Amino acid sequence: MKNKIYSSAVFLTLAFFILGLIFWYLMDLPSSGPFWVAFLITLAIGIRSKENLKGYTYTILIFAAVTAAMFYPDNFVQIGDYKLSGLIVPLLQIIMFGMGTSMSLSDFKGVVKMPKGVLIGVLCQFSIMPLIGYTLAKTSGFPPEIAAGMILIGCSPSGMASNVMSYLAKANLALSITITAITTMLAPFITPVLMGFLAGEFVEVNVWKMMLDIVKIVIIPIGAGLIFNKFFSGKVKWLDDAMPLVSMIGIAFIIVIITAAGRDSLLDIGLLLIFFVTLHNLAGYTLGYWAAKLLGMNESDCRTISLEVGMQNAGLASGIAKEMARIATVGLAPAVFGPLMNITGSVLASYWHRKPVK
């Protein structure tokens, strides 16, 4: 049954692609919109027939949603009098709560067990990416608020996506989880200071307010999740099963809202922004890996730190942009960075998976 569905999806993918080209050529690009959205949805289903491509399903579905937001932005900006951007922070709080339920205090014991690796990872996280972001912001020629978005994604902590990629890459998963936990908990204090120092020349940054916003978005929900995990771990199976799916849908929805809000800016600088964000991401992997290597880390730990540095918490960065009331400008770089890092991270993890650490 599944094979028939996948085969049908592959056929429909080709059909929608051809129809998209025909409508674009005979009419105009907006008229071809439904076919491009359908093309990406059926592509996401069709690639599930290939074991080595199944991991890209979620990313392709995000691109389908983003494409819909680009063609029909009004549907994702507000419903009636309610602006959908108001859902960003609550969704992030739910996601962070889910992150907390999957964590325990033992995740922080890695600081004692692997102090060198954790210290190097945290220092690389909060130095390499912010400085790359600032350099790219200065050289990009983007409007100040969009340039500040590149700094913001650089100043953000790593996210749980890096843990998944570390597992796939056969890296040090325990170290990855610990670095993610520590950088996330440090974010309310370090991210606002870095933003004030590096992005202050581009946009006004209220460091104290940003600290409080990150505490509201990160610390309180994760703390609640940790407490929940302490007392109810394994007792609420439906929640354990649901939270990963809820998180995936939440992140996708956040990206769609930001894309719709910043559609006009994306049409002006979209390709150039993708280029700079890709450069930021790839530089993070490269410099993170070689910094760890130069500091005497083993191969497994170097891979871990590379992924921790290169993959940021784009959702948190989006939430900060929302609290800055600049979701359509400062939020654009995080919105692009999120789906893109999942593609590059998957490719890098797959490459390392085929080269086991001796």
Protein backbone atom coordinates (compact mmCIF):
# COMPACT_ATOMS: atom_id res chain seq x y z
CA MET A 1 0.00 0.00 0.00
CA LYS A 2 2.78 2.41 0.98
CA ASN A 3 4.72 1.65 -2.20
CA LYS A 4 1.65 2.50 -4.31
CA ILE A 5 1.25 5.81 -2.48
CA TYR A 6 4.91 6.66 -2.97
CA SER A 7 4.81 5.69 -6.68
CA SER A 8 1.70 7.82 -7.19
CA ALA A 9 3.38 10.73 -5.42
CA VAL A 10 6.41 10.49 -7.72
CA PHE A 11 4.11 10.57 -10.77
CA LEU A 12 2.16 13.54 -9.38
CA THR A 13 5.41 15.35 -8.56
CA LEU A 14 6.43 15.23 -12.20
CA ALA A 15 2.93 16.22 -13.34
CA PHE A 16 2.71 19.22 -11.00
CA PHE A 17 6.20 20.36 -12.03
CA ILE A 18 5.23 20.33 -15.71
CA LEU A 19 1.90 22.08 -15.01
CA GLY A 20 3.73 24.71 -12.99
CA LEU A 21 6.02 25.46 -15.91
CA ILE A 22 3.11 25.56 -18.38
CA PHE A 23 0.99 27.95 -16.31
CA TRP A 24 4.04 30.14 -15.64
CA TYR A 25 4.86 30.31 -19.35
CA LEU A 26 1.31 30.72 -20.70
CA MET A 27 -0.06 32.97 -17.94
CA ASP A 28 2.15 34.31 -15.15
CA LEU A 29 4.07 33.19 -12.06
CA PRO A 30 1.25 33.82 -9.52
CA SER A 31 -1.10 31.59 -11.55
CA SER A 32 1.39 28.71 -11.26
CA GLY A 33 1.56 28.98 -7.45
CA PRO A 34 -0.79 26.08 -6.53
CA PHE A 35 1.19 23.71 -8.72
CA TRP A 36 4.54 24.59 -7.10
CA VAL A 37 3.07 24.05 -3.63
CA ALA A 38 1.56 20.71 -4.75
CA PHE A 39 4.88 19.77 -6.41
CA LEU A 40 6.77 20.16 -3.12
CA ILE A 41 4.14 18.31 -1.06
CA THR A 42 4.10 15.30 -3.40
CA LEU A 43 7.91 15.41 -3.61
CA ALA A 44 8.09 15.18 0.20
CA ILE A 45 5.86 12.10 0.08
CA GLY A 46 7.59 10.52 -2.92
CA ILE A 47 11.13 10.64 -1.50
CA ARG A 48 10.00 8.52 1.45
CA SER A 49 10.35 5.53 -0.84
CA LYS A 50 14.14 6.01 -0.61
CA GLU A 51 15.62 5.26 2.80
CA ASN A 52 18.54 7.69 2.36
CA LEU A 53 16.16 10.54 1.44
CA LYS A 54 13.41 10.07 4.05
CA GLY A 55 15.15 12.47 6.43
CA TYR A 56 14.48 15.37 4.06
CA THR A 57 10.68 15.01 4.17
CA TYR A 58 10.17 17.58 6.91
CA THR A 59 12.47 20.14 5.30
CA ILE A 60 10.73 19.84 1.92
CA LEU A 61 7.34 20.25 3.61
CA ILE A 62 8.64 23.47 5.20
CA PHE A 63 9.64 24.69 1.74
CA ALA A 64 6.12 23.84 0.54
CA ALA A 65 4.64 25.91 3.38
CA VAL A 66 7.07 28.77 2.71
CA THR A 67 6.15 28.68 -1.00
CA ALA A 68 2.48 28.96 -0.06
CA ALA A 69 3.32 31.93 2.18
CA MET A 70 5.18 33.63 -0.67
CA PHE A 71 2.31 33.19 -3.12
CA TYR A 72 -0.52 33.88 -0.66
CA PRO A 73 0.96 35.99 2.17
CA ASP A 74 -2.35 37.52 3.29
CA ASN A 75 -3.57 34.11 4.46
CA PHE A 76 -0.66 33.83 6.90
CA VAL A 77 -0.45 37.38 8.26
CA GLN A 78 -3.75 37.66 10.08
CA ILE A 79 -7.17 36.09 10.45
CA GLY A 80 -9.86 38.70 10.90
CA ASP A 81 -8.44 41.25 13.31
CA TYR A 82 -5.97 38.81 14.88
CA LYS A 83 -2.34 38.98 13.73
CA LEU A 84 -0.87 35.50 13.53
CA SER A 85 2.53 36.80 14.70
CA GLY A 86 0.96 36.77 18.16
CA LEU A 87 1.24 32.97 18.09
CA ILE A 88 5.03 32.93 17.75
CA VAL A 89 5.96 33.32 21.41
CA PRO A 90 3.32 30.87 22.74
CA LEU A 91 4.42 28.30 20.16
CA LEU A 92 8.05 28.75 21.17
CA GLN A 93 7.13 28.33 24.82
CA ILE A 94 5.38 25.05 23.99
CA ILE A 95 8.43 23.91 22.01
CA MET A 96 10.78 24.85 24.86
CA PHE A 97 8.53 23.04 27.33
CA GLY A 98 8.81 19.97 25.12
CA MET A 99 12.59 20.40 25.10
CA GLY A 100 12.49 20.52 28.89
CA THR A 101 10.44 17.32 29.11
CA SER A 102 13.08 15.53 27.07
CA MET A 103 15.88 16.77 29.36
CA SER A 104 16.92 15.95 32.90
CA LEU A 105 19.49 17.23 35.34
CA SER A 106 21.81 14.46 34.14
CA ASP A 107 22.20 16.36 30.87
CA PHE A 108 24.10 19.01 32.82
CA LYS A 109 26.44 16.48 34.45
CA GLY A 110 28.43 16.48 31.23
CA VAL A 111 30.02 19.71 32.43
CA VAL A 112 31.76 17.67 35.11
CA LYS A 113 32.42 14.61 32.94
CA MET A 114 33.62 16.51 29.83
CA PRO A 115 34.67 19.98 31.07
CA LYS A 116 37.13 20.65 28.24
CA GLY A 117 34.71 19.72 25.46
CA VAL A 118 31.84 21.68 27.00
CA LEU A 119 33.99 24.77 27.58
CA ILE A 120 35.35 24.72 24.03
CA GLY A 121 31.89 24.14 22.60
CA VAL A 122 30.29 26.99 24.54
CA LEU A 123 33.12 29.41 23.75
CA CYS A 124 33.04 28.53 20.05
CA GLN A 125 29.24 28.85 20.00
CA PHE A 126 29.21 32.36 21.43
CA SER A 127 32.26 33.67 19.55
CA ILE A 128 32.48 32.17 16.05
CA MET A 129 28.88 32.60 14.91
CA PRO A 130 28.33 36.12 16.34
CA LEU A 131 31.55 37.40 14.76
CA ILE A 132 30.77 35.79 11.39
CA GLY A 133 27.27 37.26 11.56
CA TYR A 134 28.65 40.72 12.29
CA THR A 135 31.20 40.49 9.46
CA LEU A 136 28.55 39.41 6.97
CA ALA A 137 26.15 42.09 8.18
CA LYS A 138 28.79 44.76 7.59
CA THR A 139 29.64 43.52 4.09
CA SER A 140 26.18 42.52 2.84
CA GLY A 141 24.85 45.98 2.09
CA PHE A 142 21.44 44.93 3.45
CA PRO A 143 19.10 47.39 5.17
CA PRO A 144 20.15 47.72 8.85
CA GLU A 145 17.32 45.67 10.35
CA ILE A 146 17.80 42.74 7.95
CA ALA A 147 21.56 42.85 8.56
CA ALA A 148 20.88 42.77 12.30
CA GLY A 149 18.96 39.54 11.76
CA MET A 150 22.17 37.81 10.64
CA ILE A 151 23.85 38.93 13.85
CA LEU A 152 20.86 37.72 15.86
CA ILE A 153 20.97 34.19 14.45
CA GLY A 154 24.71 34.16 15.16
CA CYS A 155 24.19 35.22 18.78
CA SER A 156 21.56 32.55 19.44
CA PRO A 157 22.35 29.23 21.17
CA SER A 158 22.36 25.86 19.46
CA GLY A 159 19.11 23.92 19.18
CA MET A 160 17.97 20.32 19.42
CA ALA A 161 18.46 19.81 15.68
CA SER A 162 22.21 19.68 16.34
CA ASN A 163 21.64 16.75 18.75
CA VAL A 164 19.85 14.79 16.02
CA MET A 165 22.63 15.50 13.52
CA SER A 166 25.33 14.55 16.04
CA TYR A 167 23.59 11.21 16.51
CA LEU A 168 23.43 10.65 12.73
CA ALA A 169 27.06 11.71 12.30
CA LYS A 170 28.21 9.19 14.96
CA ALA A 171 29.63 12.08 16.95
CA ASN A 172 29.62 12.56 20.74
CA LEU A 173 25.88 12.76 21.42
CA ALA A 174 26.31 13.26 25.18
CA LEU A 175 28.58 16.25 24.56
CA SER A 176 26.12 17.65 22.01
CA ILE A 177 23.20 17.44 24.44
CA THR A 178 25.22 19.07 27.21
CA ILE A 179 26.42 21.96 25.01
CA THR A 180 22.86 22.56 23.77
CA ALA A 181 21.56 22.56 27.35
CA ILE A 182 24.27 24.91 28.64
CA THR A 183 24.14 27.39 25.75
CA THR A 184 20.35 27.47 25.95
CA MET A 185 20.41 28.26 29.66
CA LEU A 186 23.13 30.90 29.14
CA ALA A 187 21.26 32.55 26.25
CA PRO A 188 19.24 35.01 28.42
CA PHE A 189 22.48 36.52 29.67
CA ILE A 190 24.89 36.21 26.73
CA THR A 191 22.68 36.72 23.65
CA PRO A 192 21.36 40.20 24.67
CA VAL A 193 24.86 41.42 25.58
CA LEU A 194 26.29 40.21 22.27
CA MET A 195 23.38 41.78 20.39
CA GLY A 196 23.86 45.08 22.17
CA PHE A 197 27.57 45.06 21.40
CA LEU A 198 27.48 43.81 17.79
CA ALA A 199 24.04 44.81 16.48
CA GLY A 200 23.67 48.13 18.31
CA GLU A 201 24.92 50.05 15.29
CA PHE A 202 22.20 48.51 13.10
CA VAL A 203 19.13 48.58 15.35
CA GLU A 204 18.21 49.76 18.82
CA VAL A 205 18.75 46.90 21.27
CA ASN A 206 17.20 47.01 24.73
CA VAL A 207 19.52 44.52 26.45
CA TRP A 208 17.53 44.29 29.69
CA LYS A 209 14.20 43.75 27.91
CA MET A 210 15.77 41.12 25.66
CA MET A 211 17.04 39.27 28.72
CA LEU A 212 13.55 39.20 30.20
CA ASP A 213 12.06 38.12 26.86
CA ILE A 214 14.46 35.16 26.57
CA VAL A 215 13.77 34.16 30.18
CA LYS A 216 10.06 34.18 29.29
CA ILE A 217 10.58 32.21 26.08
CA VAL A 218 13.29 29.79 27.24
CA ILE A 219 14.04 29.49 30.94
CA ILE A 220 10.50 29.34 32.37
CA PRO A 221 9.14 26.76 29.85
CA ILE A 222 12.27 24.58 30.03
CA GLY A 223 12.21 24.78 33.82
CA ALA A 224 8.57 23.69 33.79
CA GLY A 225 9.47 20.86 31.40
CA LEU A 226 12.31 19.69 33.66
CA ILE A 227 9.97 19.62 36.66
CA PHE A 228 7.35 17.75 34.61
CA ASN A 229 9.98 15.22 33.51
CA LYS A 230 11.14 14.76 37.10
CA PHE A 231 7.71 13.76 38.39
CA PHE A 232 5.92 12.35 35.35
CA SER A 233 8.68 10.83 33.20
CA GLY A 234 7.24 7.83 31.32
CA LYS A 235 3.82 8.26 32.91
CA VAL A 236 2.29 10.43 30.18
CA LYS A 237 3.25 8.50 27.06
CA TRP A 238 0.91 10.38 24.73
CA LEU A 239 2.70 13.64 25.60
CA ASP A 240 6.13 12.09 25.02
CA ASP A 241 4.95 10.90 21.61
CA ALA A 242 3.21 14.16 20.69
CA MET A 243 5.83 16.75 21.64
CA PRO A 244 8.29 16.08 18.76
CA LEU A 245 5.45 16.40 16.24
CA VAL A 246 4.09 19.52 17.96
CA SER A 247 7.59 21.05 17.90
CA MET A 248 8.03 20.33 14.20
CA ILE A 249 4.65 21.82 13.30
CA GLY A 250 5.29 24.81 15.56
CA ILE A 251 8.65 25.63 13.97
CA ALA A 252 7.17 25.28 10.48
CA PHE A 253 4.28 27.59 11.38
CA ILE A 254 6.65 30.21 12.82
CA ILE A 255 8.75 30.17 9.64
CA VAL A 256 5.63 30.55 7.49
CA ILE A 257 4.35 33.53 9.51
CA ILE A 258 7.72 35.31 9.24
CA THR A 259 7.97 34.55 5.51
CA ALA A 260 4.52 35.99 4.87
CA ALA A 261 5.25 39.10 6.95
CA GLY A 262 8.57 39.73 5.20
CA ARG A 263 7.53 38.66 1.71
CA ASP A 264 8.23 42.00 0.03
CA SER A 265 11.74 42.20 1.50
CA LEU A 266 12.41 38.59 0.48
CA LEU A 267 11.40 39.33 -3.10
CA ASP A 268 13.93 42.18 -3.14
CA ILE A 269 16.90 40.40 -1.53
CA GLY A 270 15.85 36.76 -1.23
CA LEU A 271 18.62 35.10 -3.26
CA LEU A 272 21.32 37.31 -1.79
CA LEU A 273 20.05 36.64 1.74
CA ILE A 274 20.08 32.89 1.07
CA PHE A 275 23.68 33.22 -0.12
CA PHE A 276 24.84 35.08 2.99
CA VAL A 277 22.91 32.80 5.35
CA THR A 278 24.40 29.73 3.65
CA LEU A 279 27.87 31.24 3.98
CA HIS A 280 27.21 31.92 7.68
CA ASN A 281 26.05 28.35 8.25
CA LEU A 282 28.89 26.65 6.37
CA ALA A 283 31.52 28.89 7.99
CA GLY A 284 30.14 27.85 11.38
CA TYR A 285 30.61 24.15 10.60
CA THR A 286 34.11 24.71 9.22
CA LEU A 287 35.49 27.03 11.90
CA GLY A 288 33.84 25.06 14.69
CA TYR A 289 35.46 21.84 13.50
CA TRP A 290 38.94 23.27 13.05
CA ALA A 291 38.86 25.30 16.25
CA ALA A 292 38.12 22.08 18.15
CA LYS A 293 40.82 20.24 16.20
CA LEU A 294 43.44 22.91 16.97
CA LEU A 295 42.51 22.75 20.66
CA GLY A 296 43.28 19.04 20.77
CA MET A 297 39.78 17.50 20.63
CA ASN A 298 39.32 14.03 19.15
CA GLU A 299 37.50 13.47 15.86
CA SER A 300 34.15 12.60 17.44
CA ASP A 301 34.18 15.75 19.59
CA CYS A 302 35.28 17.90 16.63
CA ARG A 303 32.26 16.74 14.65
CA THR A 304 30.01 17.50 17.61
CA ILE A 305 31.32 21.03 18.08
CA SER A 306 31.15 21.67 14.33
CA LEU A 307 27.42 20.83 14.32
CA GLU A 308 26.76 22.70 17.57
CA VAL A 309 28.37 25.86 16.20
CA GLY A 310 26.88 25.69 12.70
CA MET A 311 23.30 24.86 13.74
CA GLN A 312 21.49 27.60 15.67
CA ASN A 313 18.15 27.87 17.46
CA ALA A 314 16.39 29.73 14.64
CA GLY A 315 13.06 29.48 16.45
CA LEU A 316 14.37 31.38 19.46
CA ALA A 317 15.91 34.01 17.18
CA SER A 318 12.52 34.43 15.51
CA GLY A 319 10.87 34.88 18.90
CA ILE A 320 13.39 37.55 19.86
CA ALA A 321 12.73 39.35 16.57
CA LYS A 322 9.01 39.23 17.33
CA GLU A 323 9.56 40.73 20.80
CA MET A 324 11.67 43.46 19.15
CA ALA A 325 8.61 44.23 16.98
CA ARG A 326 10.72 43.62 13.86
CA ILE A 327 9.51 40.20 12.77
CA ALA A 328 9.32 41.17 9.07
CA THR A 329 12.93 42.38 8.93
CA VAL A 330 15.14 41.15 11.79
CA GLY A 331 13.24 37.85 11.64
CA LEU A 332 14.05 37.11 7.99
CA ALA A 333 17.57 35.71 8.42
CA PRO A 334 16.46 33.27 11.16
CA ALA A 335 13.51 32.18 8.98
CA VAL A 336 15.88 31.38 6.11
CA PHE A 337 18.55 29.87 8.37
CA GLY A 338 16.22 27.31 9.97
CA PRO A 339 15.25 25.17 6.92
CA LEU A 340 18.62 25.68 5.27
CA MET A 341 20.65 24.39 8.24
CA ASN A 342 18.55 21.22 8.28
CA ILE A 343 19.58 20.53 4.69
CA THR A 344 23.28 21.27 5.15
CA GLY A 345 23.34 19.54 8.54
CA SER A 346 21.74 16.41 7.07
CA VAL A 347 24.25 16.33 4.22
CA LEU A 348 27.20 16.78 6.59
CA ALA A 349 25.87 14.21 9.07
CA SER A 350 25.30 11.69 6.25
CA TYR A 351 28.86 12.23 5.02
CA TRP A 352 30.30 11.64 8.47
CA HIS A 353 27.98 8.67 9.02
CA ARG A 354 29.74 6.94 6.13
CA LYS A 355 33.14 7.70 7.70
CA PRO A 356 32.98 6.13 11.18
CA VAL A 357 35.38 7.43 13.79
CA LYS A 358 38.20 4.96 14.32
